[in-house]
C-alpha atoms as a PDB file:
ATOM      1  CA  UNK A   1     226.485 -61.869  57.642  1.00  0.00           C
ATOM      2  CA  UNK A   2     225.009 -59.757  55.168  1.00  0.00           C
ATOM      3  CA  UNK A   3     221.219 -59.283  54.648  1.00  0.00           C
ATOM      4  CA  UNK A   4     218.388 -56.898  54.346  1.00  0.00           C
ATOM      5  CA  UNK A   5     216.704 -55.579  57.636  1.00  0.00           C
ATOM      6  CA  UNK A   6     213.061 -55.019  57.113  1.00  0.00           C
ATOM      7  CA  UNK A   7     210.790 -53.278  57.346  1.00  0.00           C
ATOM      8  CA  UNK A   8     212.426 -49.977  56.394  1.00  0.00           C
ATOM      9  CA  UNK A   9     210.786 -46.627  57.267  1.00  0.00           C
ATOM     10  CA  UNK A  10     211.299 -43.085  56.529  1.00  0.00           C
ATOM     11  CA  UNK A  11     211.560 -40.693  53.409  1.00  0.00           C
ATOM     12  CA  UNK A  12     214.586 -42.419  51.876  1.00  0.00           C
ATOM     13  CA  UNK A  13     213.408 -45.904  52.519  1.00  0.00           C
ATOM     14  CA  UNK A  14     212.895 -46.560  48.712  1.00  0.00           C
ATOM     15  CA  UNK A  15     216.710 -45.818  48.303  1.00  0.00           C
ATOM     16  CA  UNK A  16     217.866 -48.299  51.006  1.00  0.00           C
ATOM     17  CA  UNK A  17     220.597 -50.727  50.000  1.00  0.00           C
ATOM     18  CA  UNK A  18     222.105 -53.883  51.270  1.00  0.00           C
ATOM     19  CA  UNK A  19     224.443 -53.460  54.102  1.00  0.00           C
ATOM     20  CA  UNK A  20     226.576 -55.848  56.291  1.00  0.00           C
ATOM     21  CA  UNK A  21     225.623 -56.595  59.851  1.00  0.00           C
ATOM     22  CA  UNK A  22     229.174 -56.605  60.932  1.00  0.00           C
ATOM     23  CA  UNK A  23     229.626 -52.937  59.572  1.00  0.00           C
ATOM     24  CA  UNK A  24     226.728 -51.694  61.652  1.00  0.00           C
ATOM     25  CA  UNK A  25     227.220 -49.716  64.866  1.00  0.00           C
ATOM     26  CA  UNK A  26     225.221 -50.529  67.956  1.00  0.00           C
ATOM     27  CA  UNK A  27     223.936 -48.148  70.628  1.00  0.00           C
ATOM     28  CA  UNK A  28     221.739 -48.699  73.478  1.00  0.00           C
ATOM     29  CA  UNK A  29     219.435 -47.095  75.982  1.00  0.00           C
ATOM     30  CA  UNK A  30     219.898 -48.654  79.511  1.00  0.00           C
ATOM     31  CA  UNK A  31     221.886 -50.853  81.810  1.00  0.00           C
ATOM     32  CA  UNK A  32     220.808 -53.646  84.068  1.00  0.00           C
ATOM     33  CA  UNK A  33     217.648 -52.999  86.131  1.00  0.00           C
ATOM     34  CA  UNK A  34     219.787 -54.104  89.286  1.00  0.00           C
ATOM     35  CA  UNK A  35     221.528 -50.756  89.038  1.00  0.00           C
ATOM     36  CA  UNK A  36     218.174 -48.754  89.170  1.00  0.00           C
ATOM     37  CA  UNK A  37     219.733 -46.717  86.352  1.00  0.00           C
ATOM     38  CA  UNK A  38     219.158 -46.049  82.722  1.00  0.00           C
ATOM     39  CA  UNK A  39     221.871 -45.771  80.392  1.00  0.00           C
ATOM     40  CA  UNK A  40     222.974 -45.149  76.752  1.00  0.00           C
ATOM     41  CA  UNK A  41     224.987 -47.660  75.027  1.00  0.00           C
ATOM     42  CA  UNK A  42     226.729 -46.406  71.967  1.00  0.00           C
ATOM     43  CA  UNK A  43     228.401 -49.232  69.977  1.00  0.00           C
ATOM     44  CA  UNK A  44     230.767 -48.642  67.276  1.00  0.00           C
ATOM     45  CA  UNK A  45     228.518 -46.161  65.473  1.00  0.00           C
ATOM     46  CA  UNK A  46     228.623 -48.485  62.566  1.00  0.00           C
ATOM     47  CA  UNK A  47     229.448 -47.990  59.095  1.00  0.00           C
ATOM     48  CA  UNK A  48     230.778 -44.608  58.081  1.00  0.00           C
ATOM     49  CA  UNK A  49     230.106 -44.726  54.414  1.00  0.00           C
ATOM     50  CA  UNK A  50     232.481 -43.300  51.849  1.00  0.00           C
ATOM     51  CA  UNK A  51     232.335 -43.459  47.922  1.00  0.00           C
ATOM     52  CA  UNK A  52     235.055 -46.063  48.013  1.00  0.00           C
ATOM     53  CA  UNK A  53     234.213 -48.361  50.984  1.00  0.00           C
ATOM     54  CA  UNK A  54     232.333 -48.500  54.318  1.00  0.00           C
ATOM     55  CA  UNK A  55     234.497 -47.937  57.375  1.00  0.00           C
ATOM     56  CA  UNK A  56     233.469 -49.457  60.608  1.00  0.00           C
ATOM     57  CA  UNK A  57     233.936 -47.240  63.799  1.00  0.00           C
ATOM     58  CA  UNK A  58     235.957 -48.491  66.325  1.00  0.00           C
ATOM     59  CA  UNK A  59     235.198 -47.859  69.982  1.00  0.00           C
ATOM     60  CA  UNK A  60     237.886 -50.211  71.676  1.00  0.00           C
ATOM     61  CA  UNK A  61     239.991 -47.403  72.586  1.00  0.00           C
ATOM     62  CA  UNK A  62     238.521 -45.333  75.399  1.00  0.00           C
ATOM     63  CA  UNK A  63     241.043 -42.539  76.141  1.00  0.00           C
ATOM     64  CA  UNK A  64     239.226 -41.187  79.056  1.00  0.00           C
ATOM     65  CA  UNK A  65     235.686 -40.986  80.688  1.00  0.00           C
ATOM     66  CA  UNK A  66     234.708 -37.946  82.644  1.00  0.00           C
ATOM     67  CA  UNK A  67     231.216 -36.507  81.608  1.00  0.00           C
ATOM     68  CA  UNK A  68     230.748 -33.059  83.283  1.00  0.00           C
ATOM     69  CA  UNK A  69     233.822 -33.798  85.371  1.00  0.00           C
ATOM     70  CA  UNK A  70     232.005 -36.617  87.499  1.00  0.00           C
ATOM     71  CA  UNK A  71     234.619 -39.193  86.802  1.00  0.00           C
ATOM     72  CA  UNK A  72     235.843 -41.668  86.758  1.00  0.00           C
ATOM     73  CA  UNK A  73     238.861 -39.972  85.219  1.00  0.00           C
ATOM     74  CA  UNK A  74     238.399 -36.824  87.065  1.00  0.00           C
ATOM     75  CA  UNK A  75     241.438 -35.047  85.790  1.00  0.00           C
ATOM     76  CA  UNK A  76     240.625 -35.563  82.228  1.00  0.00           C
ATOM     77  CA  UNK A  77     238.561 -33.152  80.082  1.00  0.00           C
ATOM     78  CA  UNK A  78     234.732 -33.073  80.848  1.00  0.00           C
ATOM     79  CA  UNK A  79     233.609 -35.561  78.169  1.00  0.00           C
ATOM     80  CA  UNK A  80     234.256 -39.186  76.880  1.00  0.00           C
ATOM     81  CA  UNK A  81     236.830 -39.700  73.990  1.00  0.00           C
ATOM     82  CA  UNK A  82     237.244 -42.869  71.841  1.00  0.00           C
ATOM     83  CA  UNK A  83     240.598 -42.526  70.139  1.00  0.00           C
ATOM     84  CA  UNK A  84     241.029 -43.392  66.535  1.00  0.00           C
ATOM     85  CA  UNK A  85     237.407 -44.167  66.094  1.00  0.00           C
ATOM     86  CA  UNK A  86     237.333 -43.855  62.124  1.00  0.00           C
ATOM     87  CA  UNK A  87     238.952 -41.924  59.522  1.00  0.00           C
ATOM     88  CA  UNK A  88     237.777 -39.625  56.698  1.00  0.00           C
ATOM     89  CA  UNK A  89     240.186 -39.560  53.866  1.00  0.00           C
ATOM     90  CA  UNK A  90     243.743 -39.538  55.397  1.00  0.00           C
ATOM     91  CA  UNK A  91     242.595 -38.093  58.565  1.00  0.00           C
ATOM     92  CA  UNK A  92     242.114 -40.061  61.699  1.00  0.00           C
ATOM     93  CA  UNK A  93     239.211 -39.092  63.771  1.00  0.00           C
ATOM     94  CA  UNK A  94     238.240 -39.398  67.441  1.00  0.00           C
ATOM     95  CA  UNK A  95     234.519 -39.717  68.689  1.00  0.00           C
ATOM     96  CA  UNK A  96     233.793 -37.484  71.415  1.00  0.00           C
ATOM     97  CA  UNK A  97     230.689 -37.786  73.700  1.00  0.00           C
ATOM     98  CA  UNK A  98     229.528 -34.706  75.626  1.00  0.00           C
ATOM     99  CA  UNK A  99     226.619 -33.507  77.621  1.00  0.00           C
ATOM    100  CA  UNK A 100     224.966 -30.868  75.539  1.00  0.00           C
ATOM    101  CA  UNK A 101     222.914 -28.876  78.200  1.00  0.00           C
ATOM    102  CA  UNK A 102     225.259 -29.447  81.123  1.00  0.00           C
ATOM    103  CA  UNK A 103     222.570 -31.283  82.815  1.00  0.00           C
ATOM    104  CA  UNK A 104     223.445 -34.848  83.737  1.00  0.00           C
ATOM    105  CA  UNK A 105     222.579 -37.145  86.797  1.00  0.00           C
ATOM    106  CA  UNK A 106     224.401 -40.520  86.668  1.00  0.00           C
ATOM    107  CA  UNK A 107     223.703 -43.338  88.983  1.00  0.00           C
ATOM    108  CA  UNK A 108     227.243 -45.042  88.781  1.00  0.00           C
ATOM    109  CA  UNK A 109     229.939 -43.269  86.632  1.00  0.00           C
ATOM    110  CA  UNK A 110     232.189 -46.218  86.676  1.00  0.00           C
ATOM    111  CA  UNK A 111     229.549 -47.746  84.152  1.00  0.00           C
ATOM    112  CA  UNK A 112     230.669 -44.872  81.660  1.00  0.00           C
ATOM    113  CA  UNK A 113     233.026 -47.260  79.880  1.00  0.00           C
ATOM    114  CA  UNK A 114     233.337 -49.512  76.955  1.00  0.00           C
ATOM    115  CA  UNK A 115     232.692 -53.370  77.147  1.00  0.00           C
ATOM    116  CA  UNK A 116     231.615 -56.327  75.165  1.00  0.00           C
ATOM    117  CA  UNK A 117     233.271 -58.282  72.531  1.00  0.00           C
ATOM    118  CA  UNK A 118     236.293 -56.434  71.153  1.00  0.00           C
ATOM    119  CA  UNK A 119     235.289 -53.574  73.654  1.00  0.00           C
ATOM    120  CA  UNK A 120     232.869 -52.370  70.932  1.00  0.00           C
ATOM    121  CA  UNK A 121     230.012 -51.430  73.307  1.00  0.00           C
ATOM    122  CA  UNK A 122     230.097 -48.011  74.928  1.00  0.00           C
ATOM    123  CA  UNK A 123     227.945 -47.133  77.996  1.00  0.00           C
ATOM    124  CA  UNK A 124     226.755 -43.880  79.387  1.00  0.00           C
ATOM    125  CA  UNK A 125     225.088 -44.296  82.614  1.00  0.00           C
ATOM    126  CA  UNK A 126     221.931 -42.323  83.712  1.00  0.00           C
ATOM    127  CA  UNK A 127     219.692 -42.360  86.828  1.00  0.00           C
ATOM    128  CA  UNK A 128     216.138 -43.120  86.386  1.00  0.00           C
ATOM    129  CA  UNK A 129     213.622 -40.292  86.438  1.00  0.00           C
ATOM    130  CA  UNK A 130     216.211 -38.029  84.656  1.00  0.00           C
ATOM    131  CA  UNK A 131     217.171 -37.071  81.157  1.00  0.00           C
ATOM    132  CA  UNK A 132     220.489 -36.426  79.254  1.00  0.00           C
ATOM    133  CA  UNK A 133     221.084 -34.541  76.125  1.00  0.00           C
ATOM    134  CA  UNK A 134     224.089 -36.493  74.614  1.00  0.00           C
ATOM    135  CA  UNK A 135     226.155 -34.957  71.610  1.00  0.00           C
ATOM    136  CA  UNK A 136     228.293 -37.281  69.613  1.00  0.00           C
ATOM    137  CA  UNK A 137     231.129 -35.343  67.914  1.00  0.00           C
ATOM    138  CA  UNK A 138     233.711 -36.268  65.389  1.00  0.00           C
ATOM    139  CA  UNK A 139     237.069 -34.495  65.633  1.00  0.00           C
ATOM    140  CA  UNK A 140     240.612 -34.893  64.317  1.00  0.00           C
ATOM    141  CA  UNK A 141     242.466 -37.241  66.479  1.00  0.00           C
ATOM    142  CA  UNK A 142     243.893 -35.647  69.556  1.00  0.00           C
ATOM    143  CA  UNK A 143     242.331 -32.304  68.961  1.00  0.00           C
ATOM    144  CA  UNK A 144     238.941 -30.368  69.302  1.00  0.00           C
ATOM    145  CA  UNK A 145     238.754 -29.646  65.567  1.00  0.00           C
ATOM    146  CA  UNK A 146     235.364 -30.891  64.337  1.00  0.00           C
ATOM    147  CA  UNK A 147     235.159 -32.934  61.256  1.00  0.00           C
ATOM    148  CA  UNK A 148     231.782 -33.755  59.371  1.00  0.00           C
ATOM    149  CA  UNK A 149     231.552 -37.483  58.644  1.00  0.00           C
ATOM    150  CA  UNK A 150     230.032 -39.160  55.742  1.00  0.00           C
ATOM    151  CA  UNK A 151     226.546 -40.470  56.216  1.00  0.00           C
ATOM    152  CA  UNK A 152     226.523 -43.502  58.521  1.00  0.00           C
ATOM    153  CA  UNK A 153     224.372 -46.255  60.156  1.00  0.00           C
ATOM    154  CA  UNK A 154     223.760 -46.215  63.918  1.00  0.00           C
ATOM    155  CA  UNK A 155     222.070 -48.831  65.857  1.00  0.00           C
ATOM    156  CA  UNK A 156     220.288 -48.302  69.209  1.00  0.00           C
ATOM    157  CA  UNK A 157     219.347 -50.921  71.761  1.00  0.00           C
ATOM    158  CA  UNK A 158     216.275 -50.182  74.088  1.00  0.00           C
ATOM    159  CA  UNK A 159     216.942 -52.258  76.890  1.00  0.00           C
ATOM    160  CA  UNK A 160     213.603 -51.795  78.872  1.00  0.00           C
ATOM    161  CA  UNK A 161     210.272 -49.938  78.648  1.00  0.00           C
ATOM    162  CA  UNK A 162     211.211 -47.120  81.031  1.00  0.00           C
ATOM    163  CA  UNK A 163     213.305 -45.104  78.373  1.00  0.00           C
ATOM    164  CA  UNK A 164     212.812 -43.000  75.263  1.00  0.00           C
ATOM    165  CA  UNK A 165     215.541 -41.978  72.788  1.00  0.00           C
ATOM    166  CA  UNK A 166     215.126 -39.079  70.477  1.00  0.00           C
ATOM    167  CA  UNK A 167     217.463 -38.665  67.412  1.00  0.00           C
ATOM    168  CA  UNK A 168     217.846 -36.010  64.922  1.00  0.00           C
ATOM    169  CA  UNK A 169     218.866 -36.072  61.261  1.00  0.00           C
ATOM    170  CA  UNK A 170     217.256 -39.536  60.623  1.00  0.00           C
ATOM    171  CA  UNK A 171     216.555 -40.165  56.886  1.00  0.00           C
ATOM    172  CA  UNK A 172     215.791 -43.924  57.082  1.00  0.00           C
ATOM    173  CA  UNK A 173     215.409 -46.392  59.837  1.00  0.00           C
ATOM    174  CA  UNK A 174     215.174 -50.295  60.033  1.00  0.00           C
ATOM    175  CA  UNK A 175     213.744 -52.578  62.467  1.00  0.00           C
ATOM    176  CA  UNK A 176     213.345 -56.362  62.416  1.00  0.00           C
ATOM    177  CA  UNK A 177     209.946 -57.883  61.468  1.00  0.00           C
ATOM    178  CA  UNK A 178     209.763 -59.051  65.126  1.00  0.00           C
ATOM    179  CA  UNK A 179     210.324 -56.139  67.360  1.00  0.00           C
ATOM    180  CA  UNK A 180     209.825 -54.856  70.931  1.00  0.00           C
ATOM    181  CA  UNK A 181     210.021 -51.229  69.694  1.00  0.00           C
ATOM    182  CA  UNK A 182     207.557 -48.549  69.151  1.00  0.00           C
ATOM    183  CA  UNK A 183     208.321 -45.285  67.399  1.00  0.00           C
ATOM    184  CA  UNK A 184     206.979 -41.751  66.371  1.00  0.00           C
ATOM    185  CA  UNK A 185     208.229 -38.980  64.180  1.00  0.00           C
ATOM    186  CA  UNK A 186     208.208 -36.053  66.461  1.00  0.00           C
ATOM    187  CA  UNK A 187     209.258 -33.541  63.814  1.00  0.00           C
ATOM    188  CA  UNK A 188     210.673 -33.687  60.350  1.00  0.00           C
ATOM    189  CA  UNK A 189     213.967 -35.998  60.747  1.00  0.00           C
ATOM    190  CA  UNK A 190     213.468 -36.179  64.540  1.00  0.00           C
ATOM    191  CA  UNK A 191     212.184 -39.560  65.698  1.00  0.00           C
ATOM    192  CA  UNK A 192     211.500 -40.891  69.172  1.00  0.00           C
ATOM    193  CA  UNK A 193     212.045 -44.704  70.021  1.00  0.00           C
ATOM    194  CA  UNK A 194     210.960 -46.659  73.080  1.00  0.00           C
ATOM    195  CA  UNK A 195     210.395 -50.175  74.087  1.00  0.00           C
ATOM    196  CA  UNK A 196     206.940 -51.545  74.178  1.00  0.00           C
ATOM    197  CA  UNK A 197     205.228 -52.145  77.709  1.00  0.00           C
ATOM    198  CA  UNK A 198     206.397 -55.145  79.752  1.00  0.00           C
ATOM    199  CA  UNK A 199     209.661 -55.303  77.849  1.00  0.00           C
ATOM    200  CA  UNK A 200     212.004 -56.847  80.279  1.00  0.00           C
ATOM    201  CA  UNK A 201     215.354 -55.285  80.990  1.00  0.00           C
ATOM    202  CA  UNK A 202     218.544 -56.475  79.405  1.00  0.00           C
ATOM    203  CA  UNK A 203     221.219 -57.857  81.732  1.00  0.00           C
ATOM    204  CA  UNK A 204     224.205 -55.822  82.637  1.00  0.00           C
ATOM    205  CA  UNK A 205     226.548 -57.337  79.940  1.00  0.00           C
ATOM    206  CA  UNK A 206     224.219 -57.204  76.897  1.00  0.00           C
ATOM    207  CA  UNK A 207     224.846 -57.047  74.146  1.00  0.00           C
ATOM    208  CA  UNK A 208     227.765 -59.291  74.812  1.00  0.00           C
ATOM    209  CA  UNK A 209     228.696 -59.573  71.117  1.00  0.00           C
ATOM    210  CA  UNK A 210     227.192 -56.845  68.860  1.00  0.00           C
ATOM    211  CA  UNK A 211     228.373 -58.619  65.858  1.00  0.00           C
ATOM    212  CA  UNK A 212     226.294 -61.696  66.607  1.00  0.00           C
ATOM    213  CA  UNK A 213     222.975 -60.636  68.376  1.00  0.00           C
ATOM    214  CA  UNK A 214     220.651 -63.172  70.072  1.00  0.00           C
ATOM    215  CA  UNK A 215     217.164 -62.803  68.757  1.00  0.00           C
ATOM    216  CA  UNK A 216     215.832 -61.231  71.989  1.00  0.00           C
ATOM    217  CA  UNK A 217     218.486 -58.588  71.511  1.00  0.00           C
ATOM    218  CA  UNK A 218     217.727 -57.894  67.837  1.00  0.00           C
ATOM    219  CA  UNK A 219     214.132 -57.326  68.961  1.00  0.00           C
ATOM    220  CA  UNK A 220     215.131 -54.308  70.784  1.00  0.00           C
ATOM    221  CA  UNK A 221     217.438 -52.863  68.011  1.00  0.00           C
ATOM    222  CA  UNK A 222     216.760 -50.025  65.517  1.00  0.00           C
ATOM    223  CA  UNK A 223     219.275 -49.177  62.820  1.00  0.00           C
ATOM    224  CA  UNK A 224     219.217 -45.531  61.694  1.00  0.00           C
ATOM    225  CA  UNK A 225     220.689 -44.200  58.568  1.00  0.00           C
ATOM    226  CA  UNK A 226     221.955 -40.633  59.547  1.00  0.00           C
ATOM    227  CA  UNK A 227     222.865 -37.954  57.117  1.00  0.00           C
ATOM    228  CA  UNK A 228     225.169 -35.736  59.248  1.00  0.00           C
ATOM    229  CA  UNK A 229     224.260 -32.016  59.005  1.00  0.00           C
ATOM    230  CA  UNK A 230     227.699 -31.268  60.671  1.00  0.00           C
ATOM    231  CA  UNK A 231     230.220 -32.770  62.965  1.00  0.00           C
ATOM    232  CA  UNK A 232     227.664 -33.307  65.874  1.00  0.00           C
ATOM    233  CA  UNK A 233     224.912 -35.748  66.372  1.00  0.00           C
ATOM    234  CA  UNK A 234     222.422 -34.825  69.226  1.00  0.00           C
ATOM    235  CA  UNK A 235     220.782 -37.754  71.097  1.00  0.00           C
ATOM    236  CA  UNK A 236     218.310 -37.282  73.970  1.00  0.00           C
ATOM    237  CA  UNK A 237     217.612 -40.084  76.475  1.00  0.00           C
ATOM    238  CA  UNK A 238     214.639 -39.776  78.700  1.00  0.00           C
ATOM    239  CA  UNK A 239     214.524 -42.118  81.613  1.00  0.00           C
ATOM    240  CA  UNK A 240     211.027 -42.690  83.313  1.00  0.00           C
ATOM    241  CA  UNK A 241     210.431 -44.472  86.609  1.00  0.00           C
ATOM    242  CA  UNK A 242     210.920 -42.963  90.311  1.00  0.00           C
ATOM    243  CA  UNK A 243     213.871 -40.776  90.771  1.00  0.00           C
ATOM    244  CA  UNK A 244     216.087 -41.942  93.486  1.00  0.00           C
ATOM    245  CA  UNK A 245     217.906 -39.252  95.469  1.00  0.00           C
ATOM    246  CA  UNK A 246     221.606 -38.843  95.212  1.00  0.00           C
ATOM    247  CA  UNK A 247     224.262 -40.504  93.068  1.00  0.00           C
ATOM    248  CA  UNK A 248     224.693 -44.226  93.613  1.00  0.00           C
ATOM    249  CA  UNK A 249     221.280 -44.590  95.354  1.00  0.00           C
ATOM    250  CA  UNK A 250     219.643 -48.000  94.943  1.00  0.00           C
END
């Protein structure tokens, strides 16, 4: 279904155009409260725009998952790679997720995977009371050669009130009229998003279908228009709450 998402915010809001919900990518910022962990869900980073068409990113093929060598694919390179995520011209691109500052404390690395309808929801698990600096990189398929994407849409889901997500290079963002989110421009092009107090946690499987969101899922979503300054997109996730000692602690 197509439609406008309003209200729009940011310096380029007046230039915003119609877009398809089905072409949007979805991300998120936490897993179920039962895991006593935060997380960052990236969904098909939605709509890499080109002059001729809008090409949706595809996160259905997770080649491996091994952030900082912590597993679960311990013999793979120390990142996450989604194979054949999109293309630019005649080049097929992979989407690689790295930990930018080498500081990462997971709760359950088995949750660093993809799920949901068509396997289009990706998860990065993070223990409460810690933070992670994620870097999303577009590279030529099967290589480490960086490629700068066209401007694209990226949707984040805040799944409880214990997290803050900061994203760079934001030109415009869009939230529903009924929302559970609050936001602040920290610096030019750098925005921080968080859920309002008393926002209940999403369950483990949410969003099950990012193409058909329930109203309570949409209320936690923000869609950003990102003008890539290069092949990398930095995203910082800060999880509040008490830090539980050790990986896998309850």
